[in-house]
């Protein structure tokens, strides 16, 4: 189970530390809010991610 503080990645190679949850678009798709290694904040669909490194 993924939680805030864990590192996740997608099939497309995007990875980052989970900093929150939310929804994307008006369809309200469940999403993770992440901070990438270079400090950018973005969101990815929960269904497209896998746990990479467990957080503290």
Protein backbone atom coordinates (compact mmCIF):
# COMPACT_ATOMS: atom_id res chain seq x y z
CA UNK A 1 0.00 0.00 0.00
CA UNK A 2 1.36 3.40 -1.02
CA UNK A 3 1.28 6.23 1.51
CA UNK A 4 2.57 9.79 1.87
CA UNK A 5 6.37 9.79 2.06
CA UNK A 6 6.83 6.76 -0.22
CA UNK A 7 8.59 7.02 -3.57
CA UNK A 8 6.56 5.87 -6.58
CA UNK A 9 7.16 5.50 -10.30
CA UNK A 10 5.13 5.09 -13.47
CA UNK A 11 5.62 2.91 -16.55
CA UNK A 12 6.72 6.05 -18.40
CA UNK A 13 9.66 6.59 -16.05
CA UNK A 14 8.27 9.44 -13.95
CA UNK A 15 9.11 9.07 -10.28
CA UNK A 16 8.79 11.11 -7.13
CA UNK A 17 7.99 11.28 -3.43
CA UNK A 18 4.28 11.21 -2.57
CA UNK A 19 3.28 14.46 -0.86
CA UNK A 20 -0.51 14.19 -1.09
CA UNK A 21 -3.59 12.86 -2.83
CA UNK A 22 -6.23 14.39 -5.03
CA UNK A 23 -8.21 13.97 -8.23
CA UNK A 24 -7.47 14.78 -11.86
CA UNK A 25 -9.91 16.54 -14.19
CA UNK A 26 -13.65 16.76 -13.85
CA UNK A 27 -13.84 12.96 -14.03
CA UNK A 28 -12.24 12.91 -10.59
CA UNK A 29 -9.66 10.20 -11.29
CA UNK A 30 -7.76 9.32 -8.08
CA UNK A 31 -4.24 10.73 -8.20
CA UNK A 32 -1.04 11.05 -6.20
CA UNK A 33 0.55 14.47 -5.81
CA UNK A 34 4.33 13.97 -6.06
CA UNK A 35 7.54 15.96 -5.85
CA UNK A 36 10.11 14.83 -8.40
CA UNK A 37 13.87 14.67 -7.74
CA UNK A 38 14.35 18.07 -9.37
CA UNK A 39 11.76 19.67 -7.07
CA UNK A 40 8.83 19.90 -9.48
CA UNK A 41 5.32 19.20 -8.21
CA UNK A 42 3.00 17.14 -10.41
CA UNK A 43 0.22 14.58 -10.20
CA UNK A 44 -0.04 11.05 -11.56
CA UNK A 45 -2.97 8.66 -11.73
CA UNK A 46 -2.94 6.20 -8.85
CA UNK A 47 -3.68 3.31 -11.21
CA UNK A 48 -0.53 4.07 -13.25
CA UNK A 49 1.91 3.92 -10.32
CA UNK A 50 3.82 1.35 -8.32
CA UNK A 51 5.72 1.57 -5.06
CA UNK A 52 9.40 2.20 -5.71
CA UNK A 53 10.93 2.91 -2.28
CA UNK A 54 9.08 2.78 1.03
CA UNK A 55 9.24 6.04 3.01
CA UNK A 56 10.07 6.44 6.69
